[in-house]
PDB file of N, CA and C in Angstrom:
ATOM      1  N   MET A   1     168.024  15.706  21.434  1.00  0.00           N
ATOM      2  CA  MET A   1     169.082  16.467  20.820  1.00  0.00           C
ATOM      3  C   MET A   1     169.775  15.599  19.770  1.00  0.00           C
ATOM      4  N   VAL A   2     170.205  16.219  18.693  1.00  0.00           N
ATOM      5  CA  VAL A   2     170.861  15.521  17.594  1.00  0.00           C
ATOM      6  C   VAL A   2     172.297  15.188  17.977  1.00  0.00           C
ATOM      7  N   ARG A   3     172.693  13.949  17.690  1.00  0.00           N
ATOM      8  CA  ARG A   3     174.080  13.549  17.936  1.00  0.00           C
ATOM      9  C   ARG A   3     174.958  14.149  16.852  1.00  0.00           C
ATOM     10  N   ARG A   4     176.050  14.773  17.256  1.00  0.00           N
ATOM     11  CA  ARG A   4     176.973  15.385  16.306  1.00  0.00           C
ATOM     12  C   ARG A   4     177.926  14.343  15.747  1.00  0.00           C
ATOM     13  N   ASP A   5     177.935  14.233  14.458  1.00  0.00           N
ATOM     14  CA  ASP A   5     178.804  13.309  13.749  1.00  0.00           C
ATOM     15  C   ASP A   5     180.046  14.078  13.318  1.00  0.00           C
ATOM     16  N   SER A   6     181.233  13.612  13.731  1.00  0.00           N
ATOM     17  CA  SER A   6     182.449  14.356  13.424  1.00  0.00           C
ATOM     18  C   SER A   6     182.738  14.370  11.922  1.00  0.00           C
ATOM     19  N   ALA A   7     182.358  13.329  11.194  1.00  0.00           N
ATOM     20  CA  ALA A   7     182.552  13.330   9.742  1.00  0.00           C
ATOM     21  C   ALA A   7     181.674  14.402   9.101  1.00  0.00           C
ATOM     22  N   MET A   8     180.457  14.547   9.579  1.00  0.00           N
ATOM     23  CA  MET A   8     179.569  15.587   9.054  1.00  0.00           C
ATOM     24  C   MET A   8     180.107  16.966   9.421  1.00  0.00           C
ATOM     25  N   GLN A   9     180.633  17.120  10.624  1.00  0.00           N
ATOM     26  CA  GLN A   9     181.208  18.395  11.042  1.00  0.00           C
ATOM     27  C   GLN A   9     182.359  18.776  10.110  1.00  0.00           C
ATOM     28  N   TYR A  10     183.188  17.812   9.756  1.00  0.00           N
ATOM     29  CA  TYR A  10     184.301  18.033   8.837  1.00  0.00           C
ATOM     30  C   TYR A  10     183.778  18.480   7.465  1.00  0.00           C
ATOM     31  N   ARG A  11     182.729  17.822   6.960  1.00  0.00           N
ATOM     32  CA  ARG A  11     182.139  18.209   5.673  1.00  0.00           C
ATOM     33  C   ARG A  11     181.532  19.609   5.740  1.00  0.00           C
ATOM     34  N   MET A  12     180.876  19.920   6.862  1.00  0.00           N
ATOM     35  CA  MET A  12     180.271  21.243   7.026  1.00  0.00           C
ATOM     36  C   MET A  12     181.348  22.324   6.994  1.00  0.00           C
ATOM     37  N   ARG A  13     182.420  22.119   7.746  1.00  0.00           N
ATOM     38  CA  ARG A  13     183.507  23.111   7.790  1.00  0.00           C
ATOM     39  C   ARG A  13     184.131  23.291   6.402  1.00  0.00           C
ATOM     40  N   ASN A  14     184.383  22.199   5.698  1.00  0.00           N
ATOM     41  CA  ASN A  14     184.979  22.302   4.369  1.00  0.00           C
ATOM     42  C   ASN A  14     184.049  23.002   3.382  1.00  0.00           C
ATOM     43  N   HIS A  15     182.761  22.702   3.446  1.00  0.00           N
ATOM     44  CA  HIS A  15     181.795  23.335   2.553  1.00  0.00           C
ATOM     45  C   HIS A  15     181.731  24.840   2.815  1.00  0.00           C
ATOM     46  N   VAL A  16     181.621  25.222   4.069  1.00  0.00           N
ATOM     47  CA  VAL A  16     181.508  26.638   4.414  1.00  0.00           C
ATOM     48  C   VAL A  16     182.804  27.369   4.066  1.00  0.00           C
ATOM     49  N   ARG A  17     183.948  26.741   4.299  1.00  0.00           N
ATOM     50  CA  ARG A  17     185.231  27.358   3.947  1.00  0.00           C
ATOM     51  C   ARG A  17     185.323  27.566   2.434  1.00  0.00           C
ATOM     52  N   LYS A  18     184.858  26.592   1.647  1.00  0.00           N
ATOM     53  CA  LYS A  18     184.913  26.685   0.191  1.00  0.00           C
ATOM     54  C   LYS A  18     183.998  27.801  -0.317  1.00  0.00           C
ATOM     55  N   VAL A  19     182.804  27.908   0.253  1.00  0.00           N
ATOM     56  CA  VAL A  19     181.860  28.944  -0.150  1.00  0.00           C
ATOM     57  C   VAL A  19     182.360  30.316   0.303  1.00  0.00           C
ATOM     58  N   GLY A  20     182.960  30.367   1.503  1.00  0.00           N
ATOM     59  CA  GLY A  20     183.531  31.613   2.020  1.00  0.00           C
ATOM     60  C   GLY A  20     182.471  32.591   2.483  1.00  0.00           C
ATOM     61  N   GLY A  21     182.862  33.826   2.571  1.00  0.00           N
ATOM     62  CA  GLY A  21     181.944  34.879   2.985  1.00  0.00           C
ATOM     63  C   GLY A  21     182.262  35.425   4.354  1.00  0.00           C
ATOM     64  N   ASN A  22     181.530  36.456   4.715  1.00  0.00           N
ATOM     65  CA  ASN A  22     181.684  37.103   6.013  1.00  0.00           C
ATOM     66  C   ASN A  22     180.944  36.332   7.092  1.00  0.00           C
ATOM     67  N   CYS A  23     181.235  36.668   8.335  1.00  0.00           N
ATOM     68  CA  CYS A  23     180.536  36.082   9.479  1.00  0.00           C
ATOM     69  C   CYS A  23     179.049  36.408   9.349  1.00  0.00           C
ATOM     70  N   HIS A  24     178.209  35.420   9.404  1.00  0.00           N
ATOM     71  CA  HIS A  24     176.775  35.682   9.237  1.00  0.00           C
ATOM     72  C   HIS A  24     176.164  36.289  10.485  1.00  0.00           C
ATOM     73  N   LEU A  25     176.920  36.391  11.566  1.00  0.00           N
ATOM     74  CA  LEU A  25     176.399  36.979  12.798  1.00  0.00           C
ATOM     75  C   LEU A  25     176.770  38.454  12.943  1.00  0.00           C
ATOM     76  N   CYS A  26     178.056  38.793  12.693  1.00  0.00           N
ATOM     77  CA  CYS A  26     178.484  40.186  12.858  1.00  0.00           C
ATOM     78  C   CYS A  26     178.681  40.905  11.536  1.00  0.00           C
ATOM     79  N   GLY A  27     178.797  40.158  10.436  1.00  0.00           N
ATOM     80  CA  GLY A  27     178.972  40.765   9.127  1.00  0.00           C
ATOM     81  C   GLY A  27     180.409  41.114   8.775  1.00  0.00           C
ATOM     82  N   GLU A  28     181.353  40.895   9.685  1.00  0.00           N
ATOM     83  CA  GLU A  28     182.760  41.212   9.443  1.00  0.00           C
ATOM     84  C   GLU A  28     183.432  40.091   8.654  1.00  0.00           C
ATOM     85  N   PRO A  29     184.514  40.415   7.913  1.00  0.00           N
ATOM     86  CA  PRO A  29     185.237  39.380   7.165  1.00  0.00           C
ATOM     87  C   PRO A  29     185.871  38.352   8.097  1.00  0.00           C
ATOM     88  N   ILE A  30     186.036  37.138   7.587  1.00  0.00           N
ATOM     89  CA  ILE A  30     186.664  36.049   8.336  1.00  0.00           C
ATOM     90  C   ILE A  30     187.979  35.693   7.665  1.00  0.00           C
ATOM     91  N   ASP A  31     189.031  35.561   8.466  1.00  0.00           N
ATOM     92  CA  ASP A  31     190.310  35.059   7.963  1.00  0.00           C
ATOM     93  C   ASP A  31     190.293  33.552   8.181  1.00  0.00           C
ATOM     94  N   TYR A  32     190.102  32.801   7.098  1.00  0.00           N
ATOM     95  CA  TYR A  32     189.951  31.351   7.188  1.00  0.00           C
ATOM     96  C   TYR A  32     191.261  30.638   7.479  1.00  0.00           C
ATOM     97  N   THR A  33     192.379  31.366   7.546  1.00  0.00           N
ATOM     98  CA  THR A  33     193.678  30.744   7.807  1.00  0.00           C
ATOM     99  C   THR A  33     194.070  30.764   9.284  1.00  0.00           C
ATOM    100  N   ILE A  34     193.324  31.475  10.102  1.00  0.00           N
ATOM    101  CA  ILE A  34     193.642  31.561  11.534  1.00  0.00           C
ATOM    102  C   ILE A  34     193.368  30.211  12.191  1.00  0.00           C
ATOM    103  N   PRO A  35     194.340  29.681  12.958  1.00  0.00           N
ATOM    104  CA  PRO A  35     194.097  28.409  13.654  1.00  0.00           C
ATOM    105  C   PRO A  35     193.033  28.578  14.737  1.00  0.00           C
ATOM    106  N   TYR A  36     192.319  27.491  15.019  1.00  0.00           N
ATOM    107  CA  TYR A  36     191.224  27.549  15.986  1.00  0.00           C
ATOM    108  C   TYR A  36     191.708  27.911  17.392  1.00  0.00           C
ATOM    109  N   TYR A  37     192.843  27.352  17.812  1.00  0.00           N
ATOM    110  CA  TYR A  37     193.362  27.636  19.152  1.00  0.00           C
ATOM    111  C   TYR A  37     194.425  28.717  19.097  1.00  0.00           C
ATOM    112  N   LEU A  38     194.478  29.545  20.144  1.00  0.00           N
ATOM    113  CA  LEU A  38     195.546  30.520  20.267  1.00  0.00           C
ATOM    114  C   LEU A  38     196.869  29.768  20.387  1.00  0.00           C
ATOM    115  N   PRO A  39     197.943  30.280  19.802  1.00  0.00           N
ATOM    116  CA  PRO A  39     199.224  29.560  19.807  1.00  0.00           C
ATOM    117  C   PRO A  39     199.690  29.171  21.208  1.00  0.00           C
ATOM    118  N   GLY A  40     200.040  27.901  21.367  1.00  0.00           N
ATOM    119  CA  GLY A  40     200.565  27.394  22.629  1.00  0.00           C
ATOM    120  C   GLY A  40     199.535  27.165  23.717  1.00  0.00           C
ATOM    121  N   THR A  41     198.256  27.259  23.387  1.00  0.00           N
ATOM    122  CA  THR A  41     197.203  27.084  24.399  1.00  0.00           C
ATOM    123  C   THR A  41     196.108  26.172  23.864  1.00  0.00           C
ATOM    124  N   ARG A  42     195.153  25.864  24.717  1.00  0.00           N
ATOM    125  CA  ARG A  42     193.934  25.158  24.302  1.00  0.00           C
ATOM    126  C   ARG A  42     192.750  26.118  24.406  1.00  0.00           C
ATOM    127  N   THR A  43     193.033  27.416  24.303  1.00  0.00           N
ATOM    128  CA  THR A  43     192.002  28.446  24.357  1.00  0.00           C
ATOM    129  C   THR A  43     191.580  28.794  22.927  1.00  0.00           C
ATOM    130  N   PRO A  44     190.288  28.705  22.610  1.00  0.00           N
ATOM    131  CA  PRO A  44     189.838  29.044  21.264  1.00  0.00           C
ATOM    132  C   PRO A  44     190.115  30.510  20.922  1.00  0.00           C
ATOM    133  N   ASN A  45     190.539  30.752  19.700  1.00  0.00           N
ATOM    134  CA  ASN A  45     190.764  32.100  19.201  1.00  0.00           C
ATOM    135  C   ASN A  45     189.417  32.673  18.773  1.00  0.00           C
ATOM    136  N   PRO A  46     188.952  33.799  19.346  1.00  0.00           N
ATOM    137  CA  PRO A  46     187.634  34.331  19.001  1.00  0.00           C
ATOM    138  C   PRO A  46     187.508  34.776  17.540  1.00  0.00           C
ATOM    139  N   GLU A  47     188.639  35.009  16.861  1.00  0.00           N
ATOM    140  CA  GLU A  47     188.605  35.420  15.460  1.00  0.00           C
ATOM    141  C   GLU A  47     188.636  34.236  14.493  1.00  0.00           C
ATOM    142  N   ALA A  48     188.793  33.021  15.007  1.00  0.00           N
ATOM    143  CA  ALA A  48     188.898  31.830  14.164  1.00  0.00           C
ATOM    144  C   ALA A  48     187.546  31.503  13.527  1.00  0.00           C
ATOM    145  N   PHE A  49     187.591  30.744  12.456  1.00  0.00           N
ATOM    146  CA  PHE A  49     186.410  30.334  11.704  1.00  0.00           C
ATOM    147  C   PHE A  49     185.762  29.096  12.315  1.00  0.00           C
ATOM    148  N   VAL A  50     184.435  29.122  12.389  1.00  0.00           N
ATOM    149  CA  VAL A  50     183.658  27.937  12.746  1.00  0.00           C
ATOM    150  C   VAL A  50     182.468  27.841  11.796  1.00  0.00           C
ATOM    151  N   ALA A  51     181.958  26.642  11.628  1.00  0.00           N
ATOM    152  CA  ALA A  51     180.728  26.431  10.869  1.00  0.00           C
ATOM    153  C   ALA A  51     179.585  26.431  11.877  1.00  0.00           C
ATOM    154  N   ASP A  52     178.812  27.500  11.870  1.00  0.00           N
ATOM    155  CA  ASP A  52     177.723  27.676  12.834  1.00  0.00           C
ATOM    156  C   ASP A  52     176.449  27.029  12.306  1.00  0.00           C
ATOM    157  N   HIS A  53     175.695  26.408  13.205  1.00  0.00           N
ATOM    158  CA  HIS A  53     174.363  25.911  12.849  1.00  0.00           C
ATOM    159  C   HIS A  53     173.440  27.128  12.808  1.00  0.00           C
ATOM    160  N   ASP A  54     172.932  27.470  11.637  1.00  0.00           N
ATOM    161  CA  ASP A  54     172.055  28.630  11.490  1.00  0.00           C
ATOM    162  C   ASP A  54     170.844  28.480  12.403  1.00  0.00           C
ATOM    163  N   ILE A  55     170.181  27.351  12.320  1.00  0.00           N
ATOM    164  CA  ILE A  55     169.102  27.023  13.264  1.00  0.00           C
ATOM    165  C   ILE A  55     169.714  26.044  14.260  1.00  0.00           C
ATOM    166  N   PRO A  56     169.839  26.454  15.530  1.00  0.00           N
ATOM    167  CA  PRO A  56     170.501  25.599  16.523  1.00  0.00           C
ATOM    168  C   PRO A  56     169.873  24.211  16.621  1.00  0.00           C
ATOM    169  N   LEU A  57     170.704  23.240  16.945  1.00  0.00           N
ATOM    170  CA  LEU A  57     170.224  21.868  17.094  1.00  0.00           C
ATOM    171  C   LEU A  57     169.155  21.786  18.174  1.00  0.00           C
ATOM    172  N   ASP A  58     169.300  22.574  19.239  1.00  0.00           N
ATOM    173  CA  ASP A  58     168.314  22.576  20.326  1.00  0.00           C
ATOM    174  C   ASP A  58     166.956  23.125  19.888  1.00  0.00           C
ATOM    175  N   LYS A  59     166.951  23.880  18.793  1.00  0.00           N
ATOM    176  CA  LYS A  59     165.703  24.470  18.296  1.00  0.00           C
ATOM    177  C   LYS A  59     165.150  23.706  17.096  1.00  0.00           C
ATOM    178  N   GLY A  60     165.684  22.502  16.851  1.00  0.00           N
ATOM    179  CA  GLY A  60     165.162  21.669  15.779  1.00  0.00           C
ATOM    180  C   GLY A  60     165.958  21.725  14.488  1.00  0.00           C
ATOM    181  N   GLY A  61     167.101  22.414  14.496  1.00  0.00           N
ATOM    182  CA  GLY A  61     167.936  22.484  13.306  1.00  0.00           C
ATOM    183  C   GLY A  61     168.614  21.150  13.022  1.00  0.00           C
ATOM    184  N   GLN A  62     169.025  20.965  11.785  1.00  0.00           N
ATOM    185  CA  GLN A  62     169.677  19.727  11.387  1.00  0.00           C
ATOM    186  C   GLN A  62     171.189  19.880  11.444  1.00  0.00           C
ATOM    187  N   HIS A  63     171.864  18.778  11.716  1.00  0.00           N
ATOM    188  CA  HIS A  63     173.331  18.746  11.677  1.00  0.00           C
ATOM    189  C   HIS A  63     173.706  18.379  10.251  1.00  0.00           C
ATOM    190  N   ALA A  64     173.580  19.374   9.352  1.00  0.00           N
ATOM    191  CA  ALA A  64     173.775  19.136   7.929  1.00  0.00           C
ATOM    192  C   ALA A  64     174.413  20.358   7.280  1.00  0.00           C
ATOM    193  N   VAL A  65     174.977  20.145   6.107  1.00  0.00           N
ATOM    194  CA  VAL A  65     175.632  21.223   5.364  1.00  0.00           C
ATOM    195  C   VAL A  65     174.654  22.354   5.061  1.00  0.00           C
ATOM    196  N   SER A  66     173.402  22.029   4.805  1.00  0.00           N
ATOM    197  CA  SER A  66     172.404  23.046   4.481  1.00  0.00           C
ATOM    198  C   SER A  66     172.091  23.974   5.659  1.00  0.00           C
ATOM    199  N   ASN A  67     172.468  23.600   6.867  1.00  0.00           N
ATOM    200  CA  ASN A  67     172.205  24.404   8.059  1.00  0.00           C
ATOM    201  C   ASN A  67     173.478  25.073   8.581  1.00  0.00           C
ATOM    202  N   ALA A  68     174.560  25.051   7.802  1.00  0.00           N
ATOM    203  CA  ALA A  68     175.843  25.593   8.250  1.00  0.00           C
ATOM    204  C   ALA A  68     176.143  26.929   7.586  1.00  0.00           C
ATOM    205  N   LYS A  69     176.602  27.887   8.392  1.00  0.00           N
ATOM    206  CA  LYS A  69     177.001  29.195   7.894  1.00  0.00           C
ATOM    207  C   LYS A  69     178.310  29.594   8.565  1.00  0.00           C
ATOM    208  N   PRO A  70     179.122  30.440   7.898  1.00  0.00           N
ATOM    209  CA  PRO A  70     180.397  30.844   8.490  1.00  0.00           C
ATOM    210  C   PRO A  70     180.195  31.833   9.635  1.00  0.00           C
ATOM    211  N   ALA A  71     181.032  31.683  10.665  1.00  0.00           N
ATOM    212  CA  ALA A  71     180.979  32.596  11.803  1.00  0.00           C
ATOM    213  C   ALA A  71     182.338  32.623  12.486  1.00  0.00           C
ATOM    214  N   HIS A  72     182.587  33.719  13.205  1.00  0.00           N
ATOM    215  CA  HIS A  72     183.756  33.769  14.078  1.00  0.00           C
ATOM    216  C   HIS A  72     183.444  32.917  15.312  1.00  0.00           C
ATOM    217  N   ALA A  73     184.448  32.296  15.889  1.00  0.00           N
ATOM    218  CA  ALA A  73     184.237  31.483  17.095  1.00  0.00           C
ATOM    219  C   ALA A  73     183.648  32.332  18.220  1.00  0.00           C
ATOM    220  N   GLY A  74     184.123  33.569  18.366  1.00  0.00           N
ATOM    221  CA  GLY A  74     183.609  34.456  19.415  1.00  0.00           C
ATOM    222  C   GLY A  74     182.152  34.829  19.206  1.00  0.00           C
ATOM    223  N   CYS A  75     181.775  35.111  17.963  1.00  0.00           N
ATOM    224  CA  CYS A  75     180.375  35.441  17.662  1.00  0.00           C
ATOM    225  C   CYS A  75     179.475  34.236  17.911  1.00  0.00           C
ATOM    226  N   ASN A  76     179.949  33.069  17.496  1.00  0.00           N
ATOM    227  CA  ASN A  76     179.177  31.846  17.687  1.00  0.00           C
ATOM    228  C   ASN A  76     179.001  31.556  19.178  1.00  0.00           C
ATOM    229  N   ASN A  77     180.031  31.827  19.961  1.00  0.00           N
ATOM    230  CA  ASN A  77     179.952  31.620  21.408  1.00  0.00           C
ATOM    231  C   ASN A  77     178.907  32.543  22.033  1.00  0.00           C
ATOM    232  N   LYS A  78     178.829  33.769  21.555  1.00  0.00           N
ATOM    233  CA  LYS A  78     177.836  34.715  22.088  1.00  0.00           C
ATOM    234  C   LYS A  78     176.420  34.342  21.662  1.00  0.00           C
ATOM    235  N   LYS A  79     176.290  33.786  20.462  1.00  0.00           N
ATOM    236  CA  LYS A  79     174.977  33.387  19.958  1.00  0.00           C
ATOM    237  C   LYS A  79     174.391  32.245  20.771  1.00  0.00           C
ATOM    238  N   ARG A  80     175.234  31.296  21.118  1.00  0.00           N
ATOM    239  CA  ARG A  80     174.842  30.077  21.832  1.00  0.00           C
ATOM    240  C   ARG A  80     173.748  29.340  21.077  1.00  0.00           C
ATOM    241  N   ALA A  81     172.672  28.958  21.739  1.00  0.00           N
ATOM    242  CA  ALA A  81     171.608  28.176  21.100  1.00  0.00           C
ATOM    243  C   ALA A  81     170.398  29.050  20.783  1.00  0.00           C
ATOM    244  N   ARG A  82     170.673  30.311  20.416  1.00  0.00           N
ATOM    245  CA  ARG A  82     169.580  31.220  20.078  1.00  0.00           C
ATOM    246  C   ARG A  82     169.466  31.368  18.574  1.00  0.00           C
ATOM    247  N   ILE A  83     168.277  31.674  18.120  1.00  0.00           N
ATOM    248  CA  ILE A  83     168.072  32.010  16.720  1.00  0.00           C
ATOM    249  C   ILE A  83     168.215  33.529  16.630  1.00  0.00           C
ATOM    250  N   ILE A  84     169.202  33.967  15.851  1.00  0.00           N
ATOM    251  CA  ILE A  84     169.494  35.393  15.733  1.00  0.00           C
ATOM    252  C   ILE A  84     168.931  35.909  14.413  1.00  0.00           C
ATOM    253  N   ALA A  85     168.069  36.923  14.503  1.00  0.00           N
ATOM    254  CA  ALA A  85     167.512  37.518  13.294  1.00  0.00           C
ATOM    255  C   ALA A  85     168.543  38.451  12.663  1.00  0.00           C
ATOM    256  N   PRO A  86     168.478  38.658  11.345  1.00  0.00           N
ATOM    257  CA  PRO A  86     169.438  39.563  10.684  1.00  0.00           C
ATOM    258  C   PRO A  86     169.466  40.961  11.270  1.00  0.00           C
ATOM    259  N   ILE A  87     168.367  41.451  11.810  1.00  0.00           N
ATOM    260  CA  ILE A  87     168.340  42.797  12.390  1.00  0.00           C
ATOM    261  C   ILE A  87     169.295  42.891  13.579  1.00  0.00           C
ATOM    262  N   VAL A  88     169.485  41.815  14.309  1.00  0.00           N
ATOM    263  CA  VAL A  88     170.416  41.804  15.436  1.00  0.00           C
ATOM    264  C   VAL A  88     171.832  42.013  14.926  1.00  0.00           C
ATOM    265  N   ARG A  89     172.173  41.373  13.827  1.00  0.00           N
ATOM    266  CA  ARG A  89     173.507  41.526  13.242  1.00  0.00           C
ATOM    267  C   ARG A  89     173.731  42.966  12.823  1.00  0.00           C
ATOM    268  N   ARG A  90     172.758  43.560  12.132  1.00  0.00           N
ATOM    269  CA  ARG A  90     172.914  44.929  11.633  1.00  0.00           C
ATOM    270  C   ARG A  90     172.967  45.932  12.770  1.00  0.00           C
ATOM    271  N   SER A  91     172.252  45.695  13.858  1.00  0.00           N
ATOM    272  CA  SER A  91     172.221  46.654  14.955  1.00  0.00           C
ATOM    273  C   SER A  91     173.477  46.603  15.804  1.00  0.00           C
ATOM    274  N   GLY A  92     174.233  45.503  15.695  1.00  0.00           N
ATOM    275  CA  GLY A  92     175.460  45.382  16.478  1.00  0.00           C
ATOM    276  C   GLY A  92     175.221  44.954  17.906  1.00  0.00           C
ATOM    277  N   SER A  93     174.009  44.566  18.258  1.00  0.00           N
ATOM    278  CA  SER A  93     173.724  44.214  19.642  1.00  0.00           C
ATOM    279  C   SER A  93     174.283  42.860  20.037  1.00  0.00           C
ATOM    280  N   LEU A  94     174.781  42.082  19.072  1.00  0.00           N
ATOM    281  CA  LEU A  94     175.385  40.809  19.405  1.00  0.00           C
ATOM    282  C   LEU A  94     176.732  41.003  20.083  1.00  0.00           C
ATOM    283  N   LYS A  95     177.432  42.077  19.755  1.00  0.00           N
ATOM    284  CA  LYS A  95     178.774  42.321  20.281  1.00  0.00           C
ATOM    285  C   LYS A  95     178.774  42.786  21.686  1.00  0.00           C
TER     286      LYS A  95
END
Protein backbone atom coordinates (compact mmCIF):
# COMPACT_ATOMS: atom_id res chain seq x y z
CA MET A 1 0.00 0.00 0.00
CA VAL A 2 1.19 3.53 -0.79
CA ARG A 3 2.19 5.69 2.16
CA ARG A 4 0.12 8.87 2.27
CA ASP A 5 2.21 12.00 2.35
CA SER A 6 0.42 14.86 4.11
CA ALA A 7 2.19 17.48 1.96
CA MET A 8 0.93 15.71 -1.17
CA GLN A 9 -2.56 15.48 0.33
CA TYR A 10 -2.47 19.25 0.90
CA ARG A 11 -1.41 19.84 -2.74
CA MET A 12 -4.12 17.47 -3.99
CA ARG A 13 -6.84 19.27 -2.01
CA ASN A 14 -5.66 22.70 -3.18
CA HIS A 15 -5.46 21.59 -6.81
CA VAL A 16 -8.92 20.03 -6.79
CA ARG A 17 -10.40 23.05 -4.97
CA LYS A 18 -8.85 25.40 -7.56
CA VAL A 19 -10.16 23.35 -10.50
CA GLY A 20 -13.57 23.02 -8.80
CA GLY A 21 -16.49 21.12 -10.22
CA ASN A 22 -19.20 18.81 -9.02
CA CYS A 23 -18.74 15.63 -7.01
CA HIS A 24 -17.40 13.06 -9.45
CA LEU A 25 -19.33 10.32 -7.65
CA CYS A 26 -22.88 11.72 -7.33
CA GLY A 27 -22.70 14.61 -9.80
CA GLU A 28 -24.11 17.15 -7.30
CA PRO A 29 -22.47 20.56 -6.70
CA ILE A 30 -19.94 20.88 -3.87
CA ASP A 31 -19.80 23.82 -1.47
CA TYR A 32 -16.04 24.18 -1.02
CA THR A 33 -16.51 26.49 2.00
CA ILE A 34 -18.11 23.89 4.29
CA PRO A 35 -15.72 22.85 7.09
CA TYR A 36 -14.74 19.18 7.16
CA TYR A 37 -16.05 18.58 10.69
CA LEU A 38 -19.55 19.33 11.92
CA PRO A 39 -19.43 22.36 14.27
CA GLY A 40 -18.35 21.46 17.80
CA THR A 41 -17.64 17.80 16.98
CA ARG A 42 -15.01 15.53 15.45
CA THR A 43 -17.65 14.00 13.17
CA PRO A 44 -17.00 14.53 9.44
CA ASN A 45 -19.64 16.54 7.60
CA PRO A 46 -20.95 14.34 4.72
CA GLU A 47 -21.41 17.44 2.52
CA ALA A 48 -17.81 18.63 2.99
CA PHE A 49 -15.24 18.53 0.19
CA VAL A 50 -12.54 15.87 -0.06
CA ALA A 51 -9.99 15.05 -2.74
CA ASP A 52 -10.88 11.49 -3.71
CA HIS A 53 -8.40 9.07 -5.27
CA ASP A 54 -10.10 8.25 -8.58
CA ILE A 55 -8.27 4.92 -8.71
CA PRO A 56 -8.00 3.75 -5.08
CA LEU A 57 -4.54 3.25 -3.64
CA ASP A 58 -5.47 -0.37 -2.85
CA LYS A 59 -6.17 -0.94 -6.55
CA GLY A 60 -2.83 0.46 -7.72
CA GLY A 61 -3.71 4.15 -7.93
CA GLN A 62 -1.10 6.80 -7.24
CA HIS A 63 -1.13 9.29 -4.38
CA ALA A 64 -0.76 12.17 -6.83
CA VAL A 65 -2.60 15.23 -8.11
CA SER A 66 -3.34 13.43 -11.39
CA ASN A 67 -5.38 10.81 -9.48
CA ALA A 68 -7.43 13.30 -7.41
CA LYS A 69 -11.03 14.30 -8.10
CA PRO A 70 -13.54 16.33 -6.06
CA ALA A 71 -16.08 14.45 -3.96
CA HIS A 72 -18.37 14.89 -1.00
CA ALA A 73 -17.01 13.23 2.16
CA GLY A 74 -20.18 11.11 2.39
CA CYS A 75 -19.94 9.93 -1.22
CA ASN A 76 -16.26 9.13 -0.78
CA ASN A 77 -17.07 7.15 2.37
CA LYS A 78 -19.63 5.07 0.47
CA LYS A 79 -17.20 4.47 -2.40
CA ARG A 80 -14.47 3.18 -0.10
CA ALA A 81 -11.73 1.36 -2.05
CA ARG A 82 -13.88 0.51 -5.06
CA ILE A 83 -13.50 1.68 -8.61
CA ILE A 84 -16.82 3.31 -9.51
CA ALA A 85 -17.80 3.48 -13.17
CA PRO A 86 -19.61 6.62 -14.42
CA ILE A 87 -22.78 4.58 -15.00
CA VAL A 88 -23.03 4.03 -11.23
CA ARG A 89 -23.02 7.79 -10.69
CA ARG A 90 -25.73 8.38 -13.31
CA SER A 91 -27.94 5.56 -12.01
CA GLY A 92 -27.86 6.91 -8.46
CA SER A 93 -27.05 3.51 -6.99
CA LEU A 94 -24.18 4.97 -4.97
CA LYS A 95 -26.63 6.80 -2.69
